[in-house]
N, C-alpha and C. Protein backbone atom coordinates (compact mmCIF):
# COMPACT_ATOMS: atom_id res chain seq x y z
N MET A 1 0.98 -1.40 -0.39
CA MET A 1 0.11 0.05 0.02
C MET A 1 0.90 1.21 0.33
N PRO A 2 0.66 2.55 -1.25
CA PRO A 2 1.41 3.55 -0.88
C PRO A 2 1.03 4.55 0.38
N SER A 3 2.24 5.18 0.48
CA SER A 3 1.81 6.09 1.92
C SER A 3 2.13 7.24 0.75
N ILE A 4 1.55 8.03 2.17
CA ILE A 4 1.40 9.62 1.46
C ILE A 4 1.86 10.45 3.05
N SER A 5 2.08 11.58 2.58
CA SER A 5 2.62 12.65 4.08
C SER A 5 1.74 13.76 3.95
N ALA A 6 1.05 14.49 4.61
CA ALA A 6 0.18 15.59 4.64
C ALA A 6 0.70 16.48 5.98
N ARG A 7 1.13 17.56 6.00
CA ARG A 7 1.30 18.57 7.44
C ARG A 7 -0.58 18.87 7.80
N ILE A 8 -0.77 18.62 8.80
CA ILE A 8 -1.84 19.40 9.54
C ILE A 8 -1.77 19.94 10.53
N PRO A 9 -2.64 21.08 10.55
CA PRO A 9 -2.63 22.26 11.86
C PRO A 9 -2.84 21.08 13.62
N ASP A 10 -2.25 21.64 14.19
CA ASP A 10 -2.45 21.50 15.53
C ASP A 10 -3.64 20.82 15.99
N ASP A 11 -4.63 21.60 15.74
CA ASP A 11 -6.04 21.14 16.19
C ASP A 11 -6.51 20.26 15.94
N GLU A 12 -6.11 19.99 14.36
CA GLU A 12 -6.67 19.36 13.63
C GLU A 12 -6.03 17.66 14.09
N LYS A 13 -4.66 17.95 14.53
CA LYS A 13 -3.82 16.39 14.90
C LYS A 13 -5.03 16.29 16.25
N LYS A 14 -5.34 16.90 16.79
CA LYS A 14 -5.75 16.84 18.01
C LYS A 14 -7.38 16.23 17.94
N THR A 15 -7.79 16.41 17.00
CA THR A 15 -9.00 15.65 16.70
C THR A 15 -9.08 14.48 16.29
N LEU A 16 -8.28 14.61 15.00
CA LEU A 16 -7.83 13.04 14.72
C LEU A 16 -7.74 12.24 15.81
N GLU A 17 -6.58 12.35 16.94
CA GLU A 17 -6.34 11.75 18.34
C GLU A 17 -7.29 11.53 19.11
N GLU A 18 -8.76 12.22 19.09
CA GLU A 18 -9.68 12.18 19.47
C GLU A 18 -10.53 10.99 19.22
N VAL A 19 -10.50 11.17 17.79
CA VAL A 19 -11.50 10.18 16.99
C VAL A 19 -10.81 8.88 16.70
N ALA A 20 -9.61 8.61 16.75
CA ALA A 20 -8.76 7.15 16.78
C ALA A 20 -9.25 6.58 17.80
N GLU A 21 -9.27 7.43 19.45
CA GLU A 21 -9.34 7.05 20.34
C GLU A 21 -10.96 6.38 20.62
N LEU A 22 -11.24 7.05 20.30
CA LEU A 22 -12.96 7.13 20.14
C LEU A 22 -13.32 5.70 19.39
N LEU A 23 -12.95 5.50 18.12
CA LEU A 23 -13.15 4.23 17.56
C LEU A 23 -11.94 3.27 18.09
N GLN A 24 -11.59 3.65 18.90
CA GLN A 24 -10.22 2.23 19.46
C GLN A 24 -9.47 2.17 18.33
N GLU A 25 -8.87 3.05 17.30
CA GLU A 25 -8.08 2.27 16.28
C GLU A 25 -7.00 3.53 16.64
N ASP A 26 -5.91 3.04 15.58
CA ASP A 26 -4.85 3.79 15.54
C ASP A 26 -4.65 4.76 14.52
N LYS A 27 -3.89 5.91 14.32
CA LYS A 27 -4.08 7.05 13.87
C LYS A 27 -4.21 7.03 11.95
N SER A 28 -3.42 6.01 11.73
CA SER A 28 -3.46 6.15 10.24
C SER A 28 -4.65 5.23 9.88
N THR A 29 -5.20 4.43 10.33
CA THR A 29 -6.51 3.81 10.10
C THR A 29 -7.88 4.40 10.04
N THR A 30 -7.51 5.48 11.17
CA THR A 30 -8.68 6.34 11.16
C THR A 30 -8.46 7.74 10.37
N ILE A 31 -7.31 8.04 9.64
CA ILE A 31 -7.06 8.38 8.17
C ILE A 31 -8.06 8.03 7.21
N ARG A 32 -7.13 6.82 7.08
CA ARG A 32 -7.68 5.82 5.85
C ARG A 32 -9.86 6.29 5.73
N LYS A 33 -10.28 6.10 7.01
CA LYS A 33 -11.23 5.93 6.52
C LYS A 33 -12.19 7.01 6.55
N ALA A 34 -11.28 8.37 7.59
CA ALA A 34 -11.77 9.65 7.65
C ALA A 34 -11.79 10.25 5.46
N LEU A 35 -10.86 9.42 4.98
CA LEU A 35 -10.39 9.78 3.64
C LEU A 35 -11.37 9.29 2.59
N GLN A 36 -11.98 8.29 3.07
CA GLN A 36 -12.25 7.65 2.32
C GLN A 36 -13.69 7.85 2.36
N GLU A 37 -14.18 8.31 3.67
CA GLU A 37 -15.56 8.84 3.63
C GLU A 37 -15.50 10.27 3.26
N GLY A 38 -14.84 11.29 3.32
CA GLY A 38 -14.77 12.44 2.61
C GLY A 38 -14.64 12.50 1.26
N LEU A 39 -13.50 11.53 0.80
CA LEU A 39 -13.69 11.91 -0.88
C LEU A 39 -15.30 10.98 -1.46
N ARG A 40 -15.72 10.45 -0.47
CA ARG A 40 -17.00 9.73 -1.24
C ARG A 40 -18.29 11.23 -0.96
N ASP A 41 -17.81 12.09 -0.01
CA ASP A 41 -18.80 12.84 0.08
C ASP A 41 -19.00 13.83 -0.99
N ILE A 42 -17.66 14.23 -0.79
CA ILE A 42 -17.08 15.22 -2.10
C ILE A 42 -18.11 15.04 -3.98
N ARG A 43 -17.59 13.52 -3.94
CA ARG A 43 -17.98 13.03 -5.19
C ARG A 43 -19.54 13.25 -5.25
N VAL A 44 -20.41 13.03 -4.20
CA VAL A 44 -21.77 12.99 -4.69
C VAL A 44 -22.36 14.50 -4.35
N ARG A 45 -21.12 15.58 -3.34
CA ARG A 45 -21.30 16.71 -3.48
C ARG A 45 -21.33 17.57 -5.16
N VAL A 46 -20.47 16.94 -5.89
CA VAL A 46 -19.81 17.51 -6.84
C VAL A 46 -21.26 16.47 -8.05
N ALA A 47 -21.36 15.06 -7.93
CA ALA A 47 -22.51 14.53 -8.52
C ALA A 47 -24.04 15.28 -9.01
N VAL A 48 -24.29 15.89 -7.51
CA VAL A 48 -25.58 16.88 -6.96
C VAL A 48 -25.65 17.85 -7.90
N GLU A 49 -24.70 18.78 -7.61
CA GLU A 49 -24.29 19.90 -8.33
C GLU A 49 -24.39 20.32 -9.85
N ARG A 50 -24.09 19.33 -10.22
CA ARG A 50 -23.80 19.32 -11.73
C ARG A 50 -25.06 18.51 -12.08
N TYR A 51 -25.92 17.67 -11.31
CA TYR A 51 -27.27 17.08 -12.06
C TYR A 51 -28.65 18.14 -11.77
N GLN A 52 -27.97 18.87 -10.80
CA GLN A 52 -28.97 19.90 -10.67
C GLN A 52 -28.59 21.36 -11.69
N SER A 53 -27.38 21.37 -11.73
CA SER A 53 -27.45 22.32 -12.96
C SER A 53 -28.47 21.91 -14.19
N GLY A 54 -27.58 20.25 -14.52
CA GLY A 54 -28.42 20.16 -15.92
C GLY A 54 -27.35 19.78 -16.61
N GLU A 55 -25.94 19.62 -16.00
CA GLU A 55 -24.98 19.85 -16.82
C GLU A 55 -24.57 18.02 -17.46
N VAL A 56 -24.81 17.35 -16.19
CA VAL A 56 -24.74 15.96 -16.21
C VAL A 56 -26.49 14.96 -16.58
N SER A 57 -26.65 13.89 -16.93
CA SER A 57 -27.18 13.05 -17.00
C SER A 57 -27.47 12.50 -15.64
N VAL A 58 -28.70 11.44 -15.34
CA VAL A 58 -28.66 10.74 -14.44
C VAL A 58 -27.57 9.41 -14.33
N ASN A 59 -27.18 8.64 -15.61
CA ASN A 59 -26.13 7.89 -15.59
C ASN A 59 -24.60 8.49 -15.05
N GLU A 60 -24.69 9.92 -15.74
CA GLU A 60 -23.02 10.73 -15.68
C GLU A 60 -23.26 10.99 -14.38
N ALA A 61 -23.89 11.15 -13.42
CA ALA A 61 -24.24 11.87 -12.01
C ALA A 61 -23.87 10.43 -10.94
N ALA A 62 -24.72 9.26 -11.40
CA ALA A 62 -24.16 8.23 -10.76
C ALA A 62 -22.31 7.76 -10.79
N ARG A 63 -21.98 7.97 -12.05
CA ARG A 63 -20.85 7.57 -12.27
C ARG A 63 -19.98 8.79 -11.57
N ILE A 64 -20.00 10.15 -11.24
CA ILE A 64 -19.33 10.80 -10.96
C ILE A 64 -19.29 10.47 -9.01
N ALA A 65 -20.19 10.09 -8.81
CA ALA A 65 -20.93 10.06 -7.59
C ALA A 65 -19.95 8.83 -6.71
N GLY A 66 -19.87 7.92 -8.37
CA GLY A 66 -19.04 6.88 -7.54
C GLY A 66 -20.24 5.43 -7.26
N VAL A 67 -21.87 5.55 -7.18
CA VAL A 67 -22.72 5.02 -7.10
C VAL A 67 -23.49 4.11 -7.76
N SER A 68 -24.34 3.02 -8.06
CA SER A 68 -24.74 2.10 -9.05
C SER A 68 -26.22 3.47 -9.21
N LEU A 69 -26.50 3.17 -10.10
CA LEU A 69 -28.18 4.10 -10.95
C LEU A 69 -28.75 3.71 -9.84
N ALA A 70 -28.94 2.75 -8.91
CA ALA A 70 -30.31 2.81 -8.29
C ALA A 70 -29.86 3.33 -7.11
N GLU A 71 -28.64 4.09 -6.36
CA GLU A 71 -28.02 4.71 -5.65
C GLU A 71 -28.49 5.41 -5.52
N TRP A 72 -27.82 6.28 -7.19
CA TRP A 72 -28.18 7.48 -7.39
C TRP A 72 -29.51 7.96 -7.47
N LEU A 73 -30.30 7.30 -7.57
CA LEU A 73 -31.62 7.48 -7.69
C LEU A 73 -32.22 7.67 -6.58
N GLU A 74 -31.92 7.03 -5.29
CA GLU A 74 -32.29 7.17 -3.98
C GLU A 74 -31.60 8.48 -3.24
N ILE A 75 -30.05 9.05 -3.86
CA ILE A 75 -29.63 9.91 -3.28
C ILE A 75 -30.42 11.34 -4.02
N ALA A 76 -30.85 11.41 -4.72
CA ALA A 76 -31.60 12.48 -5.83
C ALA A 76 -33.22 12.05 -5.23
N ARG A 77 -33.68 11.56 -4.35
CA ARG A 77 -34.88 11.17 -3.85
C ARG A 77 -34.73 11.61 -2.82
N ARG A 78 -33.84 11.61 -1.54
CA ARG A 78 -33.68 11.81 -0.69
C ARG A 78 -33.34 13.31 -0.36
N ARG A 79 -32.87 13.80 -1.48
CA ARG A 79 -32.52 15.56 -1.91
C ARG A 79 -33.55 16.36 -2.16
N ASN A 80 -34.56 15.60 -2.51
CA ASN A 80 -35.56 16.60 -3.50
C ASN A 80 -34.77 17.00 -4.99
N LEU A 81 -33.85 16.58 -5.73
CA LEU A 81 -33.43 17.07 -6.82
C LEU A 81 -34.61 16.62 -7.77
N THR A 82 -34.36 17.95 -8.30
CA THR A 82 -35.01 18.48 -9.51
C THR A 82 -34.49 17.80 -10.70
N SER A 83 -34.37 17.45 -11.99
CA SER A 83 -33.73 17.52 -13.06
C SER A 83 -34.12 18.58 -14.25
N GLN A 84 -32.85 19.12 -15.02
CA GLN A 84 -32.87 20.18 -15.68
C GLN A 84 -32.72 19.40 -16.97
N LEU A 85 -33.18 18.42 -17.12
CA LEU A 85 -32.57 17.73 -18.48
C LEU A 85 -33.46 17.55 -19.73
N SER A 86 -33.34 17.33 -21.06
CA SER A 86 -34.08 17.57 -21.88
C SER A 86 -34.80 16.18 -22.35
N PRO A 87 -36.14 15.95 -22.56
CA PRO A 87 -36.67 14.56 -22.90
C PRO A 87 -35.85 13.35 -23.52
N ASP A 88 -34.64 14.31 -24.69
CA ASP A 88 -33.62 12.97 -25.11
C ASP A 88 -32.80 12.64 -24.30
N ASP A 89 -32.58 13.48 -23.05
CA ASP A 89 -31.94 13.20 -21.88
C ASP A 89 -32.40 11.78 -21.34
N LEU A 90 -33.48 12.24 -21.06
CA LEU A 90 -34.27 10.80 -19.98
C LEU A 90 -34.39 9.61 -20.73
N GLU A 91 -34.66 9.66 -22.08
CA GLU A 91 -34.85 8.56 -22.86
C GLU A 91 -33.26 7.82 -22.89
N GLY A 92 -32.48 8.77 -23.13
CA GLY A 92 -31.04 7.97 -22.90
C GLY A 92 -30.71 6.75 -21.65
N ASP A 93 -31.14 8.25 -20.96
CA ASP A 93 -31.26 7.15 -19.63
C ASP A 93 -31.91 5.50 -19.44
N ALA A 94 -33.28 5.94 -19.58
CA ALA A 94 -34.32 4.91 -19.48
C ALA A 94 -33.43 3.82 -20.32
N ASP A 95 -33.01 3.78 -21.58
CA ASP A 95 -33.06 2.96 -22.00
C ASP A 95 -31.18 2.29 -21.51
N ALA A 96 -30.25 3.55 -20.69
CA ALA A 96 -29.57 2.63 -20.01
C ALA A 96 -29.46 1.66 -18.69
N ALA A 97 -30.75 2.24 -18.07
CA ALA A 97 -31.64 1.84 -17.34
C ALA A 97 -32.01 0.34 -17.57
N ARG A 98 -32.39 0.21 -19.27
CA ARG A 98 -33.01 -0.90 -18.79
C ARG A 98 -31.95 -2.40 -19.59
N GLU A 99 -30.98 -1.42 -19.87
CA GLU A 99 -29.80 -2.71 -20.28
C GLU A 99 -29.11 -3.02 -19.15
N LEU A 100 -29.57 -2.23 -17.92
CA LEU A 100 -28.97 -3.41 -16.29
C LEU A 100 -29.61 -4.64 -16.26
């Protein structure tokens, strides 16, 4: 597994240590989990923004978010997202969903 290094402010180091202790894990494991969760959240946020603006289709939003189409539709439902997509875009999404 490759390693990386990063500098963090003292207050974030203290928070990291507190969370690691709370989870009863070493700091490396806690950092990996935080990075994984944070990156997932960022992907979903970007997908939501691009989907809501009409920049991407349902399928593309799911790809950006790194989730299945069904998972994306659940994310969109929970966030009450509305689509700015054209009927042609929706037809393409329906065709792709039928292929699953």
